[in-house]
Amino acid sequence: MAGDLITHTQARLKQAGIETLADVRAHRDRLAAFNPEVEAERKQIKDFLYENLYYSPSLAGEKDDAERIVTELFAFWMSNPSALPHYYQEKRNRNPCPA
């Protein structure tokens, strides 16, 4: 899929006469895209995942648990930033949030 996206996007850029970043910004239509056959496959995969994974009734309990855990971890780390791994503490110190 990645290869198709690159190849098809390059062809679309050439067809649209895009040569600069300004050309990209001025272009009204989407330039990055899959070819129609791959786009149809991507949509089919996406629909399958939404139906059978993301909104699967049999996985709803696990999804709820995951959401609860992420919410609790976020609240904990917001209240206890010193509990974050050192890398994230250093990053936080370099880019502090406005008070």
Protein backbone atom coordinates (compact mmCIF):
# COMPACT_ATOMS: atom_id res chain seq x y z
CA MET A 1 0.00 0.00 0.00
CA ALA A 2 2.82 2.41 0.86
CA GLY A 3 4.47 1.79 -2.49
CA ASP A 4 1.20 2.40 -4.33
CA LEU A 5 0.59 5.62 -2.38
CA ILE A 6 4.04 6.91 -3.30
CA THR A 7 3.81 5.89 -6.96
CA HIS A 8 0.27 7.16 -7.48
CA THR A 9 0.97 10.42 -5.65
CA GLN A 10 4.06 11.04 -7.79
CA ALA A 11 1.93 10.54 -10.90
CA ARG A 12 -0.73 12.92 -9.58
CA LEU A 13 1.92 15.55 -8.79
CA LYS A 14 3.33 15.28 -12.31
CA GLN A 15 -0.15 15.38 -13.90
CA ALA A 16 -1.04 18.50 -11.88
CA GLY A 17 2.25 20.19 -12.76
CA ILE A 18 3.29 20.46 -9.13
CA GLU A 19 6.92 21.53 -8.75
CA THR A 20 7.10 23.51 -5.52
CA LEU A 21 5.62 23.56 -2.04
CA ALA A 22 3.73 26.68 -3.07
CA ASP A 23 2.18 24.67 -5.92
CA VAL A 24 1.04 22.04 -3.42
CA ARG A 25 -0.47 24.66 -1.12
CA ALA A 26 -2.27 26.37 -3.99
CA HIS A 27 -3.69 23.13 -5.41
CA ARG A 28 -7.34 22.70 -4.50
CA ASP A 29 -7.63 18.92 -4.83
CA ARG A 30 -6.03 16.17 -2.75
CA LEU A 31 -2.74 15.16 -4.26
CA ALA A 32 -1.74 12.19 -2.11
CA ALA A 33 -3.93 9.22 -2.94
CA PHE A 34 -3.98 5.52 -3.74
CA ASN A 35 -4.86 4.30 -7.19
CA PRO A 36 -8.59 3.44 -7.39
CA GLU A 37 -8.08 -0.33 -7.04
CA VAL A 38 -5.93 -0.01 -3.92
CA GLU A 39 -8.30 2.61 -2.49
CA ALA A 40 -11.16 0.13 -2.87
CA GLU A 41 -9.12 -2.51 -1.02
CA ARG A 42 -8.20 0.01 1.71
CA LYS A 43 -11.87 0.89 2.20
CA GLN A 44 -12.79 -2.79 2.38
CA ILE A 45 -10.11 -3.40 5.03
CA LYS A 46 -11.20 -0.32 6.98
CA ASP A 47 -14.85 -1.41 6.92
CA PHE A 48 -13.85 -4.90 8.07
CA LEU A 49 -11.81 -3.53 10.97
CA TYR A 50 -14.58 -1.21 12.13
CA GLU A 51 -17.15 -3.99 11.99
CA ASN A 52 -15.06 -6.80 13.44
CA LEU A 53 -12.58 -5.07 15.73
CA TYR A 54 -13.14 -1.43 16.64
CA TYR A 55 -16.89 -1.78 17.34
CA SER A 56 -17.10 -5.50 17.94
CA PRO A 57 -19.61 -6.30 20.70
CA SER A 58 -17.44 -9.21 21.83
CA LEU A 59 -14.51 -6.83 22.43
CA ALA A 60 -16.53 -4.00 24.04
CA GLY A 61 -15.50 -4.98 27.57
CA GLU A 62 -11.82 -5.00 26.68
CA LYS A 63 -12.17 -1.65 24.91
CA ASP A 64 -13.84 -0.17 28.00
CA ASP A 65 -11.04 -1.54 30.19
CA ALA A 66 -8.38 -0.09 27.89
CA GLU A 67 -10.07 3.33 27.90
CA ARG A 68 -10.31 3.27 31.70
CA ILE A 69 -6.63 2.31 32.08
CA VAL A 70 -5.43 5.02 29.70
CA THR A 71 -7.61 7.61 31.46
CA GLU A 72 -6.30 6.56 34.89
CA LEU A 73 -2.68 6.59 33.71
CA PHE A 74 -3.09 10.03 32.19
CA ALA A 75 -4.65 11.40 35.38
CA PHE A 76 -1.91 9.80 37.49
CA TRP A 77 0.94 11.20 35.38
CA MET A 78 -0.66 14.65 35.27
CA SER A 79 -0.81 14.62 39.08
CA ASN A 80 2.60 12.94 39.49
CA PRO A 81 4.89 14.04 36.64
CA SER A 82 7.93 12.80 38.57
CA ALA A 83 6.62 9.26 38.01
CA LEU A 84 7.10 9.65 34.26
CA PRO A 85 10.16 8.00 32.68
CA HIS A 86 13.19 10.30 32.69
CA TYR A 87 13.04 10.91 28.94
CA TYR A 88 9.55 12.38 29.24
CA GLN A 89 10.50 14.43 32.28
CA GLU A 90 13.42 15.93 30.34
CA LYS A 91 11.16 16.64 27.38
CA ARG A 92 8.62 18.25 29.72
CA ASN A 93 11.35 20.44 31.22
CA ARG A 94 12.46 21.58 27.76
CA ASN A 95 8.86 22.37 26.71
CA PRO A 96 6.90 23.31 29.82
CA CYS A 97 3.15 23.80 29.56
CA PRO A 98 1.94 27.32 30.18
CA ALA A 99 0.43 27.74 33.64
